Amino acid sequence: MHVYEVIKRPIVTEKSYVAAEENKYTFEVDMRANKIQVKDAVETAFGVRVEKVWINVMPAKTIRRGQRVAVRKPKWKKAIVQLAEGDSITLFEGV
């Protein structure tokens, strides 16, 4: 998988902004990506040093329609990346 296919988008929420103050940034990543690929992608795309990576698979959102259960939103993978001291990503700064 190519480095620029790993990161899909940044997650912009209140919780992610609080974590950004502690040098932790949140991204939606490809379902096939692992921690090493996420680390390489962030270091290449933003020119920073990554210390730690946490990955969570967020569950699908379902809805009931009578007896059937339909998937409203599919599952997705979230990565939280901790940067080295002194590094930051300007995408999250000043918004």
PDB file of N, CA and C in Angstrom:
ATOM      1  N   MET A   1       0.846  -1.173   0.000  1.00  0.00           N
ATOM      2  CA  MET A   1       0.000   0.000   0.000  1.00  0.00           C
ATOM      3  C   MET A   1       0.895   1.242   0.000  1.00  0.00           C
ATOM      4  N   HIS A   2       0.559   2.214  -0.852  1.00  0.00           N
ATOM      5  CA  HIS A   2       1.336   3.445  -0.961  1.00  0.00           C
ATOM      6  C   HIS A   2       1.130   4.302   0.288  1.00  0.00           C
ATOM      7  N   VAL A   3       2.147   5.088   0.618  1.00  0.00           N
ATOM      8  CA  VAL A   3       2.117   5.895   1.839  1.00  0.00           C
ATOM      9  C   VAL A   3       0.928   6.854   1.860  1.00  0.00           C
ATOM     10  N   TYR A   4       0.587   7.452   0.725  1.00  0.00           N
ATOM     11  CA  TYR A   4      -0.495   8.429   0.693  1.00  0.00           C
ATOM     12  C   TYR A   4      -1.884   7.788   0.611  1.00  0.00           C
ATOM     13  N   GLU A   5      -1.970   6.476   0.514  1.00  0.00           N
ATOM     14  CA  GLU A   5      -3.261   5.790   0.561  1.00  0.00           C
ATOM     15  C   GLU A   5      -3.646   5.406   1.984  1.00  0.00           C
ATOM     16  N   VAL A   6      -2.716   5.488   2.914  1.00  0.00           N
ATOM     17  CA  VAL A   6      -2.954   5.044   4.289  1.00  0.00           C
ATOM     18  C   VAL A   6      -3.854   6.026   5.029  1.00  0.00           C
ATOM     19  N   ILE A   7      -3.523   7.316   5.014  1.00  0.00           N
ATOM     20  CA  ILE A   7      -4.299   8.327   5.737  1.00  0.00           C
ATOM     21  C   ILE A   7      -5.440   8.800   4.846  1.00  0.00           C
ATOM     22  N   LYS A   8      -6.670   8.677   5.349  1.00  0.00           N
ATOM     23  CA  LYS A   8      -7.833   9.148   4.591  1.00  0.00           C
ATOM     24  C   LYS A   8      -8.172  10.596   4.924  1.00  0.00           C
ATOM     25  N   ARG A   9      -8.286  10.907   6.227  1.00  0.00           N
ATOM     26  CA  ARG A   9      -8.647  12.267   6.631  1.00  0.00           C
ATOM     27  C   ARG A   9      -8.341  12.437   8.116  1.00  0.00           C
ATOM     28  N   PRO A  10      -8.154  13.679   8.572  1.00  0.00           N
ATOM     29  CA  PRO A  10      -8.021  13.910  10.009  1.00  0.00           C
ATOM     30  C   PRO A  10      -9.396  13.898  10.669  1.00  0.00           C
ATOM     31  N   ILE A  11      -9.443  13.478  11.898  1.00  0.00           N
ATOM     32  CA  ILE A  11     -10.675  13.494  12.679  1.00  0.00           C
ATOM     33  C   ILE A  11     -10.691  14.811  13.461  1.00  0.00           C
ATOM     34  N   VAL A  12     -11.691  15.651  13.191  1.00  0.00           N
ATOM     35  CA  VAL A  12     -11.767  16.973  13.799  1.00  0.00           C
ATOM     36  C   VAL A  12     -12.971  16.997  14.734  1.00  0.00           C
ATOM     37  N   THR A  13     -12.700  16.783  16.011  1.00  0.00           N
ATOM     38  CA  THR A  13     -13.725  16.840  17.046  1.00  0.00           C
ATOM     39  C   THR A  13     -13.165  17.597  18.248  1.00  0.00           C
ATOM     40  N   GLU A  14     -14.016  17.875  19.213  1.00  0.00           N
ATOM     41  CA  GLU A  14     -13.542  18.539  20.433  1.00  0.00           C
ATOM     42  C   GLU A  14     -12.535  17.661  21.164  1.00  0.00           C
ATOM     43  N   LYS A  15     -12.793  16.386  21.202  1.00  0.00           N
ATOM     44  CA  LYS A  15     -11.895  15.469  21.894  1.00  0.00           C
ATOM     45  C   LYS A  15     -10.523  15.409  21.210  1.00  0.00           C
ATOM     46  N   SER A  16     -10.516  15.459  19.875  1.00  0.00           N
ATOM     47  CA  SER A  16      -9.238  15.417  19.174  1.00  0.00           C
ATOM     48  C   SER A  16      -8.447  16.716  19.371  1.00  0.00           C
ATOM     49  N   TYR A  17      -9.124  17.847  19.522  1.00  0.00           N
ATOM     50  CA  TYR A  17      -8.426  19.103  19.790  1.00  0.00           C
ATOM     51  C   TYR A  17      -7.806  19.109  21.180  1.00  0.00           C
ATOM     52  N   VAL A  18      -8.473  18.523  22.155  1.00  0.00           N
ATOM     53  CA  VAL A  18      -7.904  18.417  23.499  1.00  0.00           C
ATOM     54  C   VAL A  18      -6.679  17.516  23.466  1.00  0.00           C
ATOM     55  N   ALA A  19      -6.759  16.424  22.710  1.00  0.00           N
ATOM     56  CA  ALA A  19      -5.618  15.513  22.589  1.00  0.00           C
ATOM     57  C   ALA A  19      -4.465  16.165  21.828  1.00  0.00           C
ATOM     58  N   ALA A  20      -4.762  17.066  20.901  1.00  0.00           N
ATOM     59  CA  ALA A  20      -3.708  17.738  20.132  1.00  0.00           C
ATOM     60  C   ALA A  20      -2.842  18.612  21.018  1.00  0.00           C
ATOM     61  N   GLU A  21      -3.388  19.090  22.118  1.00  0.00           N
ATOM     62  CA  GLU A  21      -2.587  19.862  23.067  1.00  0.00           C
ATOM     63  C   GLU A  21      -1.534  18.989  23.729  1.00  0.00           C
ATOM     64  N   GLU A  22      -1.768  17.689  23.782  1.00  0.00           N
ATOM     65  CA  GLU A  22      -0.806  16.732  24.347  1.00  0.00           C
ATOM     66  C   GLU A  22       0.034  16.071  23.260  1.00  0.00           C
ATOM     67  N   ASN A  23       0.025  16.646  22.048  1.00  0.00           N
ATOM     68  CA  ASN A  23       0.790  16.132  20.905  1.00  0.00           C
ATOM     69  C   ASN A  23       0.258  14.800  20.388  1.00  0.00           C
ATOM     70  N   LYS A  24      -1.051  14.576  20.512  1.00  0.00           N
ATOM     71  CA  LYS A  24      -1.690  13.370  19.976  1.00  0.00           C
ATOM     72  C   LYS A  24      -2.693  13.808  18.909  1.00  0.00           C
ATOM     73  N   TYR A  25      -2.548  13.259  17.702  1.00  0.00           N
ATOM     74  CA  TYR A  25      -3.386  13.629  16.576  1.00  0.00           C
ATOM     75  C   TYR A  25      -4.142  12.408  16.078  1.00  0.00           C
ATOM     76  N   THR A  26      -5.385  12.613  15.643  1.00  0.00           N
ATOM     77  CA  THR A  26      -6.277  11.523  15.266  1.00  0.00           C
ATOM     78  C   THR A  26      -6.568  11.562  13.774  1.00  0.00           C
ATOM     79  N   PHE A  27      -6.497  10.376  13.132  1.00  0.00           N
ATOM     80  CA  PHE A  27      -6.745  10.259  11.697  1.00  0.00           C
ATOM     81  C   PHE A  27      -7.618   9.051  11.414  1.00  0.00           C
ATOM     82  N   GLU A  28      -8.417   9.143  10.348  1.00  0.00           N
ATOM     83  CA  GLU A  28      -9.081   7.962   9.812  1.00  0.00           C
ATOM     84  C   GLU A  28      -8.111   7.345   8.817  1.00  0.00           C
ATOM     85  N   VAL A  29      -7.861   6.044   8.949  1.00  0.00           N
ATOM     86  CA  VAL A  29      -6.892   5.369   8.092  1.00  0.00           C
ATOM     87  C   VAL A  29      -7.565   4.216   7.357  1.00  0.00           C
ATOM     88  N   ASP A  30      -6.873   3.685   6.372  1.00  0.00           N
ATOM     89  CA  ASP A  30      -7.369   2.561   5.594  1.00  0.00           C
ATOM     90  C   ASP A  30      -7.502   1.328   6.488  1.00  0.00           C
ATOM     91  N   MET A  31      -8.506   0.507   6.216  1.00  0.00           N
ATOM     92  CA  MET A  31      -8.752  -0.689   7.034  1.00  0.00           C
ATOM     93  C   MET A  31      -7.605  -1.697   6.952  1.00  0.00           C
ATOM     94  N   ARG A  32      -6.822  -1.658   5.878  1.00  0.00           N
ATOM     95  CA  ARG A  32      -5.722  -2.612   5.721  1.00  0.00           C
ATOM     96  C   ARG A  32      -4.432  -2.136   6.372  1.00  0.00           C
ATOM     97  N   ALA A  33      -4.382  -0.907   6.848  1.00  0.00           N
ATOM     98  CA  ALA A  33      -3.150  -0.317   7.381  1.00  0.00           C
ATOM     99  C   ALA A  33      -2.838  -0.848   8.771  1.00  0.00           C
ATOM    100  N   ASN A  34      -1.533  -0.996   9.048  1.00  0.00           N
ATOM    101  CA  ASN A  34      -1.094  -1.382  10.386  1.00  0.00           C
ATOM    102  C   ASN A  34      -0.319  -0.223  11.012  1.00  0.00           C
ATOM    103  N   LYS A  35       0.199  -0.410  12.230  1.00  0.00           N
ATOM    104  CA  LYS A  35       0.841   0.684  12.956  1.00  0.00           C
ATOM    105  C   LYS A  35       2.088   1.197  12.246  1.00  0.00           C
ATOM    106  N   ILE A  36       2.866   0.312  11.665  1.00  0.00           N
ATOM    107  CA  ILE A  36       4.095   0.714  10.993  1.00  0.00           C
ATOM    108  C   ILE A  36       3.779   1.556   9.758  1.00  0.00           C
ATOM    109  N   GLN A  37       2.768   1.151   8.999  1.00  0.00           N
ATOM    110  CA  GLN A  37       2.382   1.919   7.812  1.00  0.00           C
ATOM    111  C   GLN A  37       1.826   3.285   8.190  1.00  0.00           C
ATOM    112  N   VAL A  38       1.057   3.369   9.270  1.00  0.00           N
ATOM    113  CA  VAL A  38       0.522   4.648   9.726  1.00  0.00           C
ATOM    114  C   VAL A  38       1.664   5.560  10.161  1.00  0.00           C
ATOM    115  N   LYS A  39       2.622   5.028  10.890  1.00  0.00           N
ATOM    116  CA  LYS A  39       3.775   5.818  11.332  1.00  0.00           C
ATOM    117  C   LYS A  39       4.547   6.365  10.144  1.00  0.00           C
ATOM    118  N   ASP A  40       4.845   5.532   9.150  1.00  0.00           N
ATOM    119  CA  ASP A  40       5.565   5.977   7.961  1.00  0.00           C
ATOM    120  C   ASP A  40       4.780   7.034   7.183  1.00  0.00           C
ATOM    121  N   ALA A  41       3.462   6.852   7.087  1.00  0.00           N
ATOM    122  CA  ALA A  41       2.627   7.790   6.334  1.00  0.00           C
ATOM    123  C   ALA A  41       2.601   9.169   6.993  1.00  0.00           C
ATOM    124  N   VAL A  42       2.462   9.216   8.307  1.00  0.00           N
ATOM    125  CA  VAL A  42       2.418  10.497   9.010  1.00  0.00           C
ATOM    126  C   VAL A  42       3.776  11.191   8.939  1.00  0.00           C
ATOM    127  N   GLU A  43       4.848  10.428   9.113  1.00  0.00           N
ATOM    128  CA  GLU A  43       6.181  11.023   9.041  1.00  0.00           C
ATOM    129  C   GLU A  43       6.470  11.568   7.648  1.00  0.00           C
ATOM    130  N   THR A  44       6.043  10.855   6.613  1.00  0.00           N
ATOM    131  CA  THR A  44       6.278  11.304   5.243  1.00  0.00           C
ATOM    132  C   THR A  44       5.395  12.496   4.874  1.00  0.00           C
ATOM    133  N   ALA A  45       4.130  12.436   5.207  1.00  0.00           N
ATOM    134  CA  ALA A  45       3.186  13.476   4.790  1.00  0.00           C
ATOM    135  C   ALA A  45       3.404  14.799   5.518  1.00  0.00           C
ATOM    136  N   PHE A  46       3.738  14.757   6.804  1.00  0.00           N
ATOM    137  CA  PHE A  46       3.810  15.976   7.593  1.00  0.00           C
ATOM    138  C   PHE A  46       5.219  16.352   8.037  1.00  0.00           C
ATOM    139  N   GLY A  47       6.209  15.496   7.806  1.00  0.00           N
ATOM    140  CA  GLY A  47       7.586  15.811   8.157  1.00  0.00           C
ATOM    141  C   GLY A  47       7.822  15.905   9.655  1.00  0.00           C
ATOM    142  N   VAL A  48       7.230  15.003  10.414  1.00  0.00           N
ATOM    143  CA  VAL A  48       7.375  14.986  11.871  1.00  0.00           C
ATOM    144  C   VAL A  48       7.902  13.625  12.312  1.00  0.00           C
ATOM    145  N   ARG A  49       8.275  13.536  13.588  1.00  0.00           N
ATOM    146  CA  ARG A  49       8.716  12.262  14.154  1.00  0.00           C
ATOM    147  C   ARG A  49       7.598  11.674  15.015  1.00  0.00           C
ATOM    148  N   VAL A  50       7.254  10.420  14.766  1.00  0.00           N
ATOM    149  CA  VAL A  50       6.176   9.750  15.492  1.00  0.00           C
ATOM    150  C   VAL A  50       6.788   8.860  16.566  1.00  0.00           C
ATOM    151  N   GLU A  51       6.277   8.990  17.806  1.00  0.00           N
ATOM    152  CA  GLU A  51       6.754   8.158  18.897  1.00  0.00           C
ATOM    153  C   GLU A  51       5.886   6.927  19.120  1.00  0.00           C
ATOM    154  N   LYS A  52       4.553   7.116  19.032  1.00  0.00           N
ATOM    155  CA  LYS A  52       3.647   6.028  19.378  1.00  0.00           C
ATOM    156  C   LYS A  52       2.409   6.083  18.508  1.00  0.00           C
ATOM    157  N   VAL A  53       1.815   4.907  18.229  1.00  0.00           N
ATOM    158  CA  VAL A  53       0.600   4.826  17.416  1.00  0.00           C
ATOM    159  C   VAL A  53      -0.385   3.890  18.103  1.00  0.00           C
ATOM    160  N   TRP A  54      -1.626   4.351  18.255  1.00  0.00           N
ATOM    161  CA  TRP A  54      -2.719   3.524  18.744  1.00  0.00           C
ATOM    162  C   TRP A  54      -3.714   3.365  17.615  1.00  0.00           C
ATOM    163  N   ILE A  55      -4.248   2.153  17.423  1.00  0.00           N
ATOM    164  CA  ILE A  55      -5.224   1.917  16.361  1.00  0.00           C
ATOM    165  C   ILE A  55      -6.479   1.286  16.963  1.00  0.00           C
ATOM    166  N   ASN A  56      -7.642   1.826  16.571  1.00  0.00           N
ATOM    167  CA  ASN A  56      -8.942   1.288  16.979  1.00  0.00           C
ATOM    168  C   ASN A  56      -9.786   1.036  15.750  1.00  0.00           C
ATOM    169  N   VAL A  57     -10.542  -0.049  15.753  1.00  0.00           N
ATOM    170  CA  VAL A  57     -11.526  -0.284  14.709  1.00  0.00           C
ATOM    171  C   VAL A  57     -12.876   0.123  15.283  1.00  0.00           C
ATOM    172  N   MET A  58     -13.446   1.154  14.696  1.00  0.00           N
ATOM    173  CA  MET A  58     -14.716   1.675  15.176  1.00  0.00           C
ATOM    174  C   MET A  58     -15.844   0.825  14.594  1.00  0.00           C
ATOM    175  N   PRO A  59     -16.820   0.433  15.402  1.00  0.00           N
ATOM    176  CA  PRO A  59     -17.862  -0.479  14.931  1.00  0.00           C
ATOM    177  C   PRO A  59     -18.831   0.178  13.953  1.00  0.00           C
ATOM    178  N   ALA A  60     -19.512  -0.656  13.201  1.00  0.00           N
ATOM    179  CA  ALA A  60     -20.505  -0.171  12.240  1.00  0.00           C
ATOM    180  C   ALA A  60     -21.723   0.345  12.986  1.00  0.00           C
ATOM    181  N   LYS A  61     -22.382   1.338  12.409  1.00  0.00           N
ATOM    182  CA  LYS A  61     -23.634   1.863  12.955  1.00  0.00           C
ATOM    183  C   LYS A  61     -24.779   1.136  12.256  1.00  0.00           C
ATOM    184  N   THR A  62     -25.652   0.564  13.038  1.00  0.00           N
ATOM    185  CA  THR A  62     -26.755  -0.201  12.454  1.00  0.00           C
ATOM    186  C   THR A  62     -28.092   0.458  12.762  1.00  0.00           C
ATOM    187  N   ILE A  63     -29.090   0.071  12.004  1.00  0.00           N
ATOM    188  CA  ILE A  63     -30.449   0.557  12.199  1.00  0.00           C
ATOM    189  C   ILE A  63     -31.401  -0.607  11.957  1.00  0.00           C
ATOM    190  N   ARG A  64     -32.489  -0.644  12.725  1.00  0.00           N
ATOM    191  CA  ARG A  64     -33.474  -1.724  12.554  1.00  0.00           C
ATOM    192  C   ARG A  64     -34.587  -1.264  11.637  1.00  0.00           C
ATOM    193  N   ARG A  65     -34.929  -2.123  10.714  1.00  0.00           N
ATOM    194  CA  ARG A  65     -36.074  -1.884   9.834  1.00  0.00           C
ATOM    195  C   ARG A  65     -36.961  -3.108   9.928  1.00  0.00           C
ATOM    196  N   GLY A  66     -37.912  -3.063  10.848  1.00  0.00           N
ATOM    197  CA  GLY A  66     -38.753  -4.230  11.097  1.00  0.00           C
ATOM    198  C   GLY A  66     -37.913  -5.326  11.727  1.00  0.00           C
ATOM    199  N   GLN A  67     -37.869  -6.485  11.099  1.00  0.00           N
ATOM    200  CA  GLN A  67     -37.083  -7.602  11.617  1.00  0.00           C
ATOM    201  C   GLN A  67     -35.648  -7.567  11.121  1.00  0.00           C
ATOM    202  N   ARG A  68     -35.389  -6.770  10.117  1.00  0.00           N
ATOM    203  CA  ARG A  68     -34.061  -6.726   9.516  1.00  0.00           C
ATOM    204  C   ARG A  68     -33.166  -5.706  10.215  1.00  0.00           C
ATOM    205  N   VAL A  69     -31.881  -5.980  10.190  1.00  0.00           N
ATOM    206  CA  VAL A  69     -30.890  -5.037  10.707  1.00  0.00           C
ATOM    207  C   VAL A  69     -30.047  -4.598   9.521  1.00  0.00           C
ATOM    208  N   ALA A  70     -30.052  -3.309   9.238  1.00  0.00           N
ATOM    209  CA  ALA A  70     -29.308  -2.762   8.106  1.00  0.00           C
ATOM    210  C   ALA A  70     -28.116  -1.957   8.633  1.00  0.00           C
ATOM    211  N   VAL A  71     -27.056  -1.923   7.863  1.00  0.00           N
ATOM    212  CA  VAL A  71     -25.876  -1.148   8.223  1.00  0.00           C
ATOM    213  C   VAL A  71     -26.042   0.257   7.669  1.00  0.00           C
ATOM    214  N   ARG A  72     -26.066   1.236   8.572  1.00  0.00           N
ATOM    215  CA  ARG A  72     -26.227   2.631   8.178  1.00  0.00           C
ATOM    216  C   ARG A  72     -24.872   3.244   7.820  1.00  0.00           C
ATOM    217  N   LYS A  73     -23.832   2.881   8.584  1.00  0.00           N
ATOM    218  CA  LYS A  73     -22.486   3.394   8.346  1.00  0.00           C
ATOM    219  C   LYS A  73     -21.507   2.254   8.597  1.00  0.00           C
ATOM    220  N   PRO A  74     -20.625   1.931   7.647  1.00  0.00           N
ATOM    221  CA  PRO A  74     -19.732   0.785   7.820  1.00  0.00           C
ATOM    222  C   PRO A  74     -18.668   1.045   8.876  1.00  0.00           C
ATOM    223  N   LYS A  75     -18.009  -0.030   9.309  1.00  0.00           N
ATOM    224  CA  LYS A  75     -16.941   0.131  10.286  1.00  0.00           C
ATOM    225  C   LYS A  75     -15.742   0.816   9.632  1.00  0.00           C
ATOM    226  N   TRP A  76     -14.912   1.473  10.465  1.00  0.00           N
ATOM    227  CA  TRP A  76     -13.755   2.193   9.969  1.00  0.00           C
ATOM    228  C   TRP A  76     -12.643   2.135  11.000  1.00  0.00           C
ATOM    229  N   LYS A  77     -11.440   2.460  10.580  1.00  0.00           N
ATOM    230  CA  LYS A  77     -10.272   2.359  11.450  1.00  0.00           C
ATOM    231  C   LYS A  77      -9.774   3.756  11.805  1.00  0.00           C
ATOM    232  N   LYS A  78      -9.490   3.941  13.101  1.00  0.00           N
ATOM    233  CA  LYS A  78      -9.016   5.216  13.618  1.00  0.00           C
ATOM    234  C   LYS A  78      -7.626   5.026  14.188  1.00  0.00           C
ATOM    235  N   ALA A  79      -6.723   5.967  13.904  1.00  0.00           N
ATOM    236  CA  ALA A  79      -5.369   5.915  14.440  1.00  0.00           C
ATOM    237  C   ALA A  79      -5.094   7.192  15.222  1.00  0.00           C
ATOM    238  N   ILE A  80      -4.557   7.030  16.432  1.00  0.00           N
ATOM    239  CA  ILE A  80      -4.119   8.149  17.247  1.00  0.00           C
ATOM    240  C   ILE A  80      -2.603   8.102  17.267  1.00  0.00           C
ATOM    241  N   VAL A  81      -1.987   9.217  16.866  1.00  0.00           N
ATOM    242  CA  VAL A  81      -0.541   9.271  16.689  1.00  0.00           C
ATOM    243  C   VAL A  81       0.042  10.267  17.670  1.00  0.00           C
ATOM    244  N   GLN A  82       1.037   9.840  18.460  1.00  0.00           N
ATOM    245  CA  GLN A  82       1.725  10.742  19.371  1.00  0.00           C
ATOM    246  C   GLN A  82       3.041  11.152  18.731  1.00  0.00           C
ATOM    247  N   LEU A  83       3.250  12.473  18.644  1.00  0.00           N
ATOM    248  CA  LEU A  83       4.456  12.996  18.018  1.00  0.00           C
ATOM    249  C   LEU A  83       5.536  13.236  19.060  1.00  0.00           C
ATOM    250  N   ALA A  84       6.773  13.364  18.582  1.00  0.00           N
ATOM    251  CA  ALA A  84       7.899  13.662  19.458  1.00  0.00           C
ATOM    252  C   ALA A  84       7.748  15.075  20.018  1.00  0.00           C
ATOM    253  N   GLU A  85       8.409  15.334  21.121  1.00  0.00           N
ATOM    254  CA  GLU A  85       8.346  16.632  21.772  1.00  0.00           C
ATOM    255  C   GLU A  85       8.876  17.708  20.833  1.00  0.00           C
ATOM    256  N   GLY A  86       8.127  18.786  20.693  1.00  0.00           N
ATOM    257  CA  GLY A  86       8.531  19.884  19.829  1.00  0.00           C
ATOM    258  C   GLY A  86       7.948  19.828  18.427  1.00  0.00           C
ATOM    259  N   ASP A  87       7.440  18.681  17.998  1.00  0.00           N
ATOM    260  CA  ASP A  87       6.811  18.559  16.680  1.00  0.00           C
ATOM    261  C   ASP A  87       5.321  18.840  16.790  1.00  0.00           C
ATOM    262  N   SER A  88       4.741  19.355  15.702  1.00  0.00           N
ATOM    263  CA  SER A  88       3.299  19.568  15.647  1.00  0.00           C
ATOM    264  C   SER A  88       2.855  19.551  14.196  1.00  0.00           C
ATOM    265  N   ILE A  89       1.558  19.349  13.998  1.00  0.00           N
ATOM    266  CA  ILE A  89       0.969  19.364  12.669  1.00  0.00           C
ATOM    267  C   ILE A  89       0.151  20.633  12.556  1.00  0.00           C
ATOM    268  N   THR A  90       0.455  21.460  11.561  1.00  0.00           N
ATOM    269  CA  THR A  90      -0.187  22.766  11.446  1.00  0.00           C
ATOM    270  C   THR A  90      -1.647  22.672  11.056  1.00  0.00           C
ATOM    271  N   LEU A  91      -2.078  21.520  10.560  1.00  0.00           N
ATOM    272  CA  LEU A  91      -3.473  21.329  10.189  1.00  0.00           C
ATOM    273  C   LEU A  91      -4.401  21.525  11.391  1.00  0.00           C
ATOM    274  N   PHE A  92      -3.941  21.142  12.568  1.00  0.00           N
ATOM    275  CA  PHE A  92      -4.748  21.229  13.781  1.00  0.00           C
ATOM    276  C   PHE A  92      -4.507  22.519  14.558  1.00  0.00           C
ATOM    277  N   GLU A  93      -3.531  23.294  14.180  1.00  0.00           N
ATOM    278  CA  GLU A  93      -3.174  24.491  14.941  1.00  0.00           C
ATOM    279  C   GLU A  93      -4.011  25.687  14.505  1.00  0.00           C
ATOM    280  N   GLY A  94      -4.469  26.483  15.437  1.00  0.00           N
ATOM    281  CA  GLY A  94      -5.108  27.752  15.155  1.00  0.00           C
ATOM    282  C   GLY A  94      -6.488  27.686  14.539  1.00  0.00           C
ATOM    283  N   VAL A  95      -7.225  26.605  14.781  1.00  0.00           N
ATOM    284  CA  VAL A  95      -8.585  26.511  14.238  1.00  0.00           C
ATOM    285  C   VAL A  95      -9.569  26.726  15.355  1.00  0.00           C
TER     286      VAL A  95
END
